Amino acid sequence: MEKVETTAELQAAVQAKAKNVDALIMAAAVADFRPADYAASKIKKTDDGPSPVITLERNPDIGLFGLQVGRYPSRPLAMSRIRSR
């Protein structure tokens, strides 16, 4: 088991581990989007200031490895498809 905090860390961990296995079982639910910028400290409100705007960016899709194996009739074909992703 490897602990990660971000989708980017999860993607890197999956790619590193998936190179040397025949099957990969995952249980993770990551958000489709993440904040584009992070504040170093709390964003304080002001009585007369505008509300903050939070810009989002897409997270990468990483959870398709295990689903691909069932789509292909032979193991080598399935594995070549997974490795090509």
PDB file of N, CA and C in Angstrom:
ATOM      1  N   MET A   1       0.848  -1.160   0.000  1.00  0.00           N
ATOM      2  CA  MET A   1       0.000   0.000   0.000  1.00  0.00           C
ATOM      3  C   MET A   1       0.899   1.229   0.000  1.00  0.00           C
ATOM      4  N   GLU A   2       0.483   2.203  -0.790  1.00  0.00           N
ATOM      5  CA  GLU A   2       1.228   3.460  -0.852  1.00  0.00           C
ATOM      6  C   GLU A   2       0.270   4.610  -0.592  1.00  0.00           C
ATOM      7  N   LYS A   3       0.621   5.459   0.356  1.00  0.00           N
ATOM      8  CA  LYS A   3      -0.239   6.591   0.672  1.00  0.00           C
ATOM      9  C   LYS A   3       0.129   7.770  -0.216  1.00  0.00           C
ATOM     10  N   VAL A   4      -0.911   8.407  -0.762  1.00  0.00           N
ATOM     11  CA  VAL A   4      -0.732   9.585  -1.603  1.00  0.00           C
ATOM     12  C   VAL A   4      -1.725  10.656  -1.165  1.00  0.00           C
ATOM     13  N   GLU A   5      -1.442  11.895  -1.519  1.00  0.00           N
ATOM     14  CA  GLU A   5      -2.341  12.987  -1.143  1.00  0.00           C
ATOM     15  C   GLU A   5      -2.977  13.681  -2.341  1.00  0.00           C
ATOM     16  N   THR A   6      -2.380  13.594  -3.500  1.00  0.00           N
ATOM     17  CA  THR A   6      -2.923  14.275  -4.666  1.00  0.00           C
ATOM     18  C   THR A   6      -3.167  13.279  -5.796  1.00  0.00           C
ATOM     19  N   THR A   7      -3.976  13.686  -6.745  1.00  0.00           N
ATOM     20  CA  THR A   7      -4.230  12.841  -7.905  1.00  0.00           C
ATOM     21  C   THR A   7      -2.951  12.626  -8.699  1.00  0.00           C
ATOM     22  N   ALA A   8      -2.123  13.642  -8.792  1.00  0.00           N
ATOM     23  CA  ALA A   8      -0.847  13.506  -9.505  1.00  0.00           C
ATOM     24  C   ALA A   8       0.037  12.457  -8.835  1.00  0.00           C
ATOM     25  N   GLU A   9       0.075  12.447  -7.498  1.00  0.00           N
ATOM     26  CA  GLU A   9       0.854  11.433  -6.766  1.00  0.00           C
ATOM     27  C   GLU A   9       0.266  10.041  -7.002  1.00  0.00           C
ATOM     28  N   LEU A  10      -1.064   9.933  -7.021  1.00  0.00           N
ATOM     29  CA  LEU A  10      -1.716   8.649  -7.264  1.00  0.00           C
ATOM     30  C   LEU A  10      -1.405   8.154  -8.673  1.00  0.00           C
ATOM     31  N   GLN A  11      -1.472   9.037  -9.647  1.00  0.00           N
ATOM     32  CA  GLN A  11      -1.172   8.651 -11.020  1.00  0.00           C
ATOM     33  C   GLN A  11       0.269   8.149 -11.147  1.00  0.00           C
ATOM     34  N   ALA A  12       1.212   8.851 -10.529  1.00  0.00           N
ATOM     35  CA  ALA A  12       2.615   8.430 -10.578  1.00  0.00           C
ATOM     36  C   ALA A  12       2.803   7.075  -9.903  1.00  0.00           C
ATOM     37  N   ALA A  13       2.139   6.866  -8.764  1.00  0.00           N
ATOM     38  CA  ALA A  13       2.261   5.601  -8.042  1.00  0.00           C
ATOM     39  C   ALA A  13       1.674   4.451  -8.861  1.00  0.00           C
ATOM     40  N   VAL A  14       0.532   4.676  -9.482  1.00  0.00           N
ATOM     41  CA  VAL A  14      -0.106   3.635 -10.304  1.00  0.00           C
ATOM     42  C   VAL A  14       0.780   3.293 -11.489  1.00  0.00           C
ATOM     43  N   GLN A  15       1.300   4.307 -12.164  1.00  0.00           N
ATOM     44  CA  GLN A  15       2.153   4.045 -13.327  1.00  0.00           C
ATOM     45  C   GLN A  15       3.418   3.296 -12.932  1.00  0.00           C
ATOM     46  N   ALA A  16       3.994   3.615 -11.795  1.00  0.00           N
ATOM     47  CA  ALA A  16       5.205   2.937 -11.337  1.00  0.00           C
ATOM     48  C   ALA A  16       4.923   1.485 -10.971  1.00  0.00           C
ATOM     49  N   LYS A  17       3.826   1.233 -10.269  1.00  0.00           N
ATOM     50  CA  LYS A  17       3.495  -0.121  -9.823  1.00  0.00           C
ATOM     51  C   LYS A  17       2.958  -0.999 -10.955  1.00  0.00           C
ATOM     52  N   ALA A  18       2.239  -0.410 -11.910  1.00  0.00           N
ATOM     53  CA  ALA A  18       1.574  -1.190 -12.954  1.00  0.00           C
ATOM     54  C   ALA A  18       2.547  -1.792 -13.957  1.00  0.00           C
ATOM     55  N   LYS A  19       3.762  -1.331 -13.996  1.00  0.00           N
ATOM     56  CA  LYS A  19       4.734  -1.844 -14.959  1.00  0.00           C
ATOM     57  C   LYS A  19       5.125  -3.295 -14.687  1.00  0.00           C
ATOM     58  N   ASN A  20       5.034  -3.734 -13.438  1.00  0.00           N
ATOM     59  CA  ASN A  20       5.549  -5.048 -13.049  1.00  0.00           C
ATOM     60  C   ASN A  20       4.477  -6.018 -12.556  1.00  0.00           C
ATOM     61  N   VAL A  21       3.221  -5.779 -12.909  1.00  0.00           N
ATOM     62  CA  VAL A  21       2.152  -6.655 -12.427  1.00  0.00           C
ATOM     63  C   VAL A  21       1.278  -7.120 -13.585  1.00  0.00           C
ATOM     64  N   ASP A  22       0.591  -8.248 -13.383  1.00  0.00           N
ATOM     65  CA  ASP A  22      -0.361  -8.741 -14.371  1.00  0.00           C
ATOM     66  C   ASP A  22      -1.760  -8.194 -14.129  1.00  0.00           C
ATOM     67  N   ALA A  23      -2.069  -7.844 -12.886  1.00  0.00           N
ATOM     68  CA  ALA A  23      -3.385  -7.301 -12.546  1.00  0.00           C
ATOM     69  C   ALA A  23      -3.219  -6.235 -11.487  1.00  0.00           C
ATOM     70  N   LEU A  24      -4.118  -5.296 -11.510  1.00  0.00           N
ATOM     71  CA  LEU A  24      -4.073  -4.190 -10.552  1.00  0.00           C
ATOM     72  C   LEU A  24      -5.476  -3.963 -10.017  1.00  0.00           C
ATOM     73  N   ILE A  25      -5.626  -4.049  -8.713  1.00  0.00           N
ATOM     74  CA  ILE A  25      -6.921  -3.813  -8.080  1.00  0.00           C
ATOM     75  C   ILE A  25      -6.819  -2.492  -7.347  1.00  0.00           C
ATOM     76  N   MET A  26      -7.733  -1.580  -7.683  1.00  0.00           N
ATOM     77  CA  MET A  26      -7.694  -0.244  -7.088  1.00  0.00           C
ATOM     78  C   MET A  26      -9.026   0.108  -6.456  1.00  0.00           C
ATOM     79  N   ALA A  27      -8.954   0.853  -5.401  1.00  0.00           N
ATOM     80  CA  ALA A  27     -10.141   1.442  -4.784  1.00  0.00           C
ATOM     81  C   ALA A  27      -9.795   2.884  -4.463  1.00  0.00           C
ATOM     82  N   ALA A  28     -10.192   3.760  -5.354  1.00  0.00           N
ATOM     83  CA  ALA A  28      -9.908   5.175  -5.148  1.00  0.00           C
ATOM     84  C   ALA A  28     -10.983   5.990  -5.845  1.00  0.00           C
ATOM     85  N   ALA A  29     -11.351   7.053  -5.237  1.00  0.00           N
ATOM     86  CA  ALA A  29     -12.298   7.977  -5.850  1.00  0.00           C
ATOM     87  C   ALA A  29     -11.671   9.360  -5.798  1.00  0.00           C
ATOM     88  N   VAL A  30     -11.183   9.787  -6.928  1.00  0.00           N
ATOM     89  CA  VAL A  30     -10.586  11.114  -6.974  1.00  0.00           C
ATOM     90  C   VAL A  30     -11.561  12.071  -7.639  1.00  0.00           C
ATOM     91  N   ALA A  31     -11.429  13.316  -7.332  1.00  0.00           N
ATOM     92  CA  ALA A  31     -12.296  14.335  -7.908  1.00  0.00           C
ATOM     93  C   ALA A  31     -11.944  14.552  -9.374  1.00  0.00           C
ATOM     94  N   ASP A  32     -12.912  14.974 -10.138  1.00  0.00           N
ATOM     95  CA  ASP A  32     -12.671  15.283 -11.548  1.00  0.00           C
ATOM     96  C   ASP A  32     -11.861  16.566 -11.705  1.00  0.00           C
ATOM     97  N   PHE A  33     -11.970  17.463 -10.727  1.00  0.00           N
ATOM     98  CA  PHE A  33     -11.282  18.753 -10.791  1.00  0.00           C
ATOM     99  C   PHE A  33     -10.548  19.037  -9.493  1.00  0.00           C
ATOM    100  N   ARG A  34      -9.546  19.933  -9.562  1.00  0.00           N
ATOM    101  CA  ARG A  34      -8.806  20.380  -8.382  1.00  0.00           C
ATOM    102  C   ARG A  34      -8.595  21.889  -8.506  1.00  0.00           C
ATOM    103  N   PRO A  35      -8.340  22.569  -7.394  1.00  0.00           N
ATOM    104  CA  PRO A  35      -8.064  24.009  -7.483  1.00  0.00           C
ATOM    105  C   PRO A  35      -6.796  24.254  -8.308  1.00  0.00           C
ATOM    106  N   ALA A  36      -6.836  25.264  -9.152  1.00  0.00           N
ATOM    107  CA  ALA A  36      -5.670  25.601  -9.978  1.00  0.00           C
ATOM    108  C   ALA A  36      -4.563  26.220  -9.116  1.00  0.00           C
ATOM    109  N   ASP A  37      -4.939  26.940  -8.077  1.00  0.00           N
ATOM    110  CA  ASP A  37      -3.970  27.574  -7.177  1.00  0.00           C
ATOM    111  C   ASP A  37      -4.355  27.276  -5.732  1.00  0.00           C
ATOM    112  N   TYR A  38      -3.341  27.243  -4.882  1.00  0.00           N
ATOM    113  CA  TYR A  38      -3.563  27.005  -3.457  1.00  0.00           C
ATOM    114  C   TYR A  38      -3.103  28.211  -2.666  1.00  0.00           C
ATOM    115  N   ALA A  39      -3.843  28.572  -1.632  1.00  0.00           N
ATOM    116  CA  ALA A  39      -3.456  29.677  -0.758  1.00  0.00           C
ATOM    117  C   ALA A  39      -2.499  29.145   0.307  1.00  0.00           C
ATOM    118  N   ALA A  40      -1.500  29.932   0.631  1.00  0.00           N
ATOM    119  CA  ALA A  40      -0.534  29.534   1.660  1.00  0.00           C
ATOM    120  C   ALA A  40      -1.152  29.604   3.051  1.00  0.00           C
ATOM    121  N   SER A  41      -2.190  30.410   3.205  1.00  0.00           N
ATOM    122  CA  SER A  41      -2.865  30.536   4.497  1.00  0.00           C
ATOM    123  C   SER A  41      -4.350  30.784   4.248  1.00  0.00           C
ATOM    124  N   LYS A  42      -5.088  30.917   5.308  1.00  0.00           N
ATOM    125  CA  LYS A  42      -6.526  31.129   5.205  1.00  0.00           C
ATOM    126  C   LYS A  42      -6.823  32.387   4.396  1.00  0.00           C
ATOM    127  N   ILE A  43      -7.830  32.297   3.545  1.00  0.00           N
ATOM    128  CA  ILE A  43      -8.286  33.469   2.806  1.00  0.00           C
ATOM    129  C   ILE A  43      -9.332  34.149   3.675  1.00  0.00           C
ATOM    130  N   LYS A  44      -8.995  35.321   4.187  1.00  0.00           N
ATOM    131  CA  LYS A  44      -9.896  36.018   5.113  1.00  0.00           C
ATOM    132  C   LYS A  44     -10.915  36.843   4.347  1.00  0.00           C
ATOM    133  N   LYS A  45     -12.115  36.869   4.870  1.00  0.00           N
ATOM    134  CA  LYS A  45     -13.160  37.674   4.231  1.00  0.00           C
ATOM    135  C   LYS A  45     -13.098  39.100   4.751  1.00  0.00           C
ATOM    136  N   THR A  46     -13.554  39.997   3.928  1.00  0.00           N
ATOM    137  CA  THR A  46     -13.687  41.395   4.338  1.00  0.00           C
ATOM    138  C   THR A  46     -15.135  41.792   4.119  1.00  0.00           C
ATOM    139  N   ASP A  47     -15.611  42.711   4.899  1.00  0.00           N
ATOM    140  CA  ASP A  47     -17.018  43.121   4.800  1.00  0.00           C
ATOM    141  C   ASP A  47     -17.338  43.773   3.465  1.00  0.00           C
ATOM    142  N   ASP A  48     -16.378  44.466   2.896  1.00  0.00           N
ATOM    143  CA  ASP A  48     -16.669  45.197   1.662  1.00  0.00           C
ATOM    144  C   ASP A  48     -15.957  44.611   0.434  1.00  0.00           C
ATOM    145  N   GLY A  49     -15.243  43.521   0.604  1.00  0.00           N
ATOM    146  CA  GLY A  49     -14.493  42.944  -0.514  1.00  0.00           C
ATOM    147  C   GLY A  49     -15.307  41.946  -1.302  1.00  0.00           C
ATOM    148  N   PRO A  50     -14.853  41.627  -2.502  1.00  0.00           N
ATOM    149  CA  PRO A  50     -15.561  40.643  -3.323  1.00  0.00           C
ATOM    150  C   PRO A  50     -15.327  39.218  -2.802  1.00  0.00           C
ATOM    151  N   SER A  51     -16.214  38.336  -3.155  1.00  0.00           N
ATOM    152  CA  SER A  51     -16.035  36.930  -2.804  1.00  0.00           C
ATOM    153  C   SER A  51     -14.880  36.372  -3.633  1.00  0.00           C
ATOM    154  N   PRO A  52     -14.120  35.457  -3.059  1.00  0.00           N
ATOM    155  CA  PRO A  52     -13.009  34.887  -3.829  1.00  0.00           C
ATOM    156  C   PRO A  52     -13.522  34.031  -4.990  1.00  0.00           C
ATOM    157  N   VAL A  53     -12.749  33.966  -6.035  1.00  0.00           N
ATOM    158  CA  VAL A  53     -13.061  33.127  -7.186  1.00  0.00           C
ATOM    159  C   VAL A  53     -12.079  31.969  -7.173  1.00  0.00           C
ATOM    160  N   ILE A  54     -12.607  30.760  -7.247  1.00  0.00           N
ATOM    161  CA  ILE A  54     -11.765  29.573  -7.240  1.00  0.00           C
ATOM    162  C   ILE A  54     -11.774  28.988  -8.645  1.00  0.00           C
ATOM    163  N   THR A  55     -10.623  28.989  -9.289  1.00  0.00           N
ATOM    164  CA  THR A  55     -10.483  28.429 -10.626  1.00  0.00           C
ATOM    165  C   THR A  55     -10.111  26.954 -10.495  1.00  0.00           C
ATOM    166  N   LEU A  56     -10.788  26.109 -11.258  1.00  0.00           N
ATOM    167  CA  LEU A  56     -10.546  24.666 -11.208  1.00  0.00           C
ATOM    168  C   LEU A  56      -9.850  24.207 -12.481  1.00  0.00           C
ATOM    169  N   GLU A  57      -9.062  23.118 -12.344  1.00  0.00           N
ATOM    170  CA  GLU A  57      -8.471  22.465 -13.504  1.00  0.00           C
ATOM    171  C   GLU A  57      -8.734  20.973 -13.405  1.00  0.00           C
ATOM    172  N   ARG A  58      -8.723  20.300 -14.531  1.00  0.00           N
ATOM    173  CA  ARG A  58      -9.035  18.863 -14.570  1.00  0.00           C
ATOM    174  C   ARG A  58      -7.944  18.032 -13.909  1.00  0.00           C
ATOM    175  N   ASN A  59      -8.374  16.983 -13.232  1.00  0.00           N
ATOM    176  CA  ASN A  59      -7.459  15.956 -12.750  1.00  0.00           C
ATOM    177  C   ASN A  59      -7.306  14.919 -13.855  1.00  0.00           C
ATOM    178  N   PRO A  60      -6.177  14.224 -13.916  1.00  0.00           N
ATOM    179  CA  PRO A  60      -6.018  13.187 -14.941  1.00  0.00           C
ATOM    180  C   PRO A  60      -6.896  11.972 -14.643  1.00  0.00           C
ATOM    181  N   ASP A  61      -7.302  11.269 -15.682  1.00  0.00           N
ATOM    182  CA  ASP A  61      -8.024  10.003 -15.529  1.00  0.00           C
ATOM    183  C   ASP A  61      -6.993   8.910 -15.295  1.00  0.00           C
ATOM    184  N   ILE A  62      -7.166   8.129 -14.235  1.00  0.00           N
ATOM    185  CA  ILE A  62      -6.155   7.114 -13.922  1.00  0.00           C
ATOM    186  C   ILE A  62      -6.731   5.737 -13.652  1.00  0.00           C
ATOM    187  N   GLY A  63      -8.030   5.561 -13.572  1.00  0.00           N
ATOM    188  CA  GLY A  63      -8.589   4.306 -13.090  1.00  0.00           C
ATOM    189  C   GLY A  63      -9.078   3.330 -14.131  1.00  0.00           C
ATOM    190  N   LEU A  64      -8.532   3.287 -15.323  1.00  0.00           N
ATOM    191  CA  LEU A  64      -9.066   2.405 -16.355  1.00  0.00           C
ATOM    192  C   LEU A  64      -8.301   1.107 -16.537  1.00  0.00           C
ATOM    193  N   PHE A  65      -7.225   0.889 -15.822  1.00  0.00           N
ATOM    194  CA  PHE A  65      -6.396  -0.298 -16.025  1.00  0.00           C
ATOM    195  C   PHE A  65      -7.170  -1.585 -15.843  1.00  0.00           C
ATOM    196  N   GLY A  66      -7.823  -1.775 -14.714  1.00  0.00           N
ATOM    197  CA  GLY A  66      -8.503  -3.024 -14.409  1.00  0.00           C
ATOM    198  C   GLY A  66      -9.707  -3.282 -15.289  1.00  0.00           C
ATOM    199  N   LEU A  67     -10.355  -2.230 -15.786  1.00  0.00           N
ATOM    200  CA  LEU A  67     -11.530  -2.404 -16.613  1.00  0.00           C
ATOM    201  C   LEU A  67     -11.179  -2.894 -18.018  1.00  0.00           C
ATOM    202  N   GLN A  68     -10.002  -2.620 -18.476  1.00  0.00           N
ATOM    203  CA  GLN A  68      -9.629  -2.963 -19.836  1.00  0.00           C
ATOM    204  C   GLN A  68      -9.457  -4.468 -20.048  1.00  0.00           C
ATOM    205  N   VAL A  69      -9.023  -5.205 -19.047  1.00  0.00           N
ATOM    206  CA  VAL A  69      -8.725  -6.623 -19.222  1.00  0.00           C
ATOM    207  C   VAL A  69      -9.953  -7.392 -19.702  1.00  0.00           C
ATOM    208  N   GLY A  70     -11.124  -7.118 -19.186  1.00  0.00           N
ATOM    209  CA  GLY A  70     -12.331  -7.837 -19.567  1.00  0.00           C
ATOM    210  C   GLY A  70     -12.799  -7.566 -20.982  1.00  0.00           C
ATOM    211  N   ARG A  71     -12.318  -6.530 -21.625  1.00  0.00           N
ATOM    212  CA  ARG A  71     -12.768  -6.174 -22.969  1.00  0.00           C
ATOM    213  C   ARG A  71     -12.052  -6.963 -24.073  1.00  0.00           C
ATOM    214  N   TYR A  72     -10.963  -7.592 -23.762  1.00  0.00           N
ATOM    215  CA  TYR A  72     -10.153  -8.234 -24.786  1.00  0.00           C
ATOM    216  C   TYR A  72     -10.123  -9.751 -24.577  1.00  0.00           C
ATOM    217  N   PRO A  73     -10.207 -10.525 -25.671  1.00  0.00           N
ATOM    218  CA  PRO A  73     -10.312 -11.982 -25.549  1.00  0.00           C
ATOM    219  C   PRO A  73      -9.037 -12.672 -25.083  1.00  0.00           C
ATOM    220  N   SER A  74      -7.891 -12.058 -25.268  1.00  0.00           N
ATOM    221  CA  SER A  74      -6.667 -12.726 -24.845  1.00  0.00           C
ATOM    222  C   SER A  74      -5.885 -11.841 -23.887  1.00  0.00           C
ATOM    223  N   ARG A  75      -5.177 -12.460 -22.971  1.00  0.00           N
ATOM    224  CA  ARG A  75      -4.396 -11.730 -21.983  1.00  0.00           C
ATOM    225  C   ARG A  75      -3.311 -10.862 -22.631  1.00  0.00           C
ATOM    226  N   PRO A  76      -2.530 -11.375 -23.602  1.00  0.00           N
ATOM    227  CA  PRO A  76      -1.512 -10.521 -24.215  1.00  0.00           C
ATOM    228  C   PRO A  76      -2.099  -9.280 -24.884  1.00  0.00           C
ATOM    229  N   LEU A  77      -3.241  -9.432 -25.537  1.00  0.00           N
ATOM    230  CA  LEU A  77      -3.877  -8.291 -26.180  1.00  0.00           C
ATOM    231  C   LEU A  77      -4.347  -7.275 -25.143  1.00  0.00           C
ATOM    232  N   ALA A  78      -4.927  -7.770 -24.062  1.00  0.00           N
ATOM    233  CA  ALA A  78      -5.377  -6.878 -22.987  1.00  0.00           C
ATOM    234  C   ALA A  78      -4.201  -6.146 -22.363  1.00  0.00           C
ATOM    235  N   MET A  79      -3.127  -6.866 -22.089  1.00  0.00           N
ATOM    236  CA  MET A  79      -1.966  -6.243 -21.449  1.00  0.00           C
ATOM    237  C   MET A  79      -1.322  -5.216 -22.378  1.00  0.00           C
ATOM    238  N   SER A  80      -1.272  -5.482 -23.674  1.00  0.00           N
ATOM    239  CA  SER A  80      -0.679  -4.505 -24.587  1.00  0.00           C
ATOM    240  C   SER A  80      -1.538  -3.241 -24.647  1.00  0.00           C
ATOM    241  N   ARG A  81      -2.828  -3.404 -24.554  1.00  0.00           N
ATOM    242  CA  ARG A  81      -3.725  -2.236 -24.538  1.00  0.00           C
ATOM    243  C   ARG A  81      -3.530  -1.418 -23.260  1.00  0.00           C
ATOM    244  N   ILE A  82      -3.426  -2.083 -22.135  1.00  0.00           N
ATOM    245  CA  ILE A  82      -3.216  -1.388 -20.859  1.00  0.00           C
ATOM    246  C   ILE A  82      -1.892  -0.649 -20.876  1.00  0.00           C
ATOM    247  N   ARG A  83      -0.855  -1.286 -21.345  1.00  0.00           N
ATOM    248  CA  ARG A  83       0.479  -0.656 -21.357  1.00  0.00           C
ATOM    249  C   ARG A  83       0.546   0.538 -22.293  1.00  0.00           C
ATOM    250  N   SER A  84      -0.309   0.559 -23.293  1.00  0.00           N
ATOM    251  CA  SER A  84      -0.297   1.676 -24.246  1.00  0.00           C
ATOM    252  C   SER A  84      -0.937   2.925 -23.678  1.00  0.00           C
ATOM    253  N   ARG A  85      -1.621   2.827 -22.552  1.00  0.00           N
ATOM    254  CA  ARG A  85      -2.292   3.987 -21.968  1.00  0.00           C
ATOM    255  C   ARG A  85      -1.341   4.840 -21.216  1.00  0.00           C
TER     256      ARG A  85
END
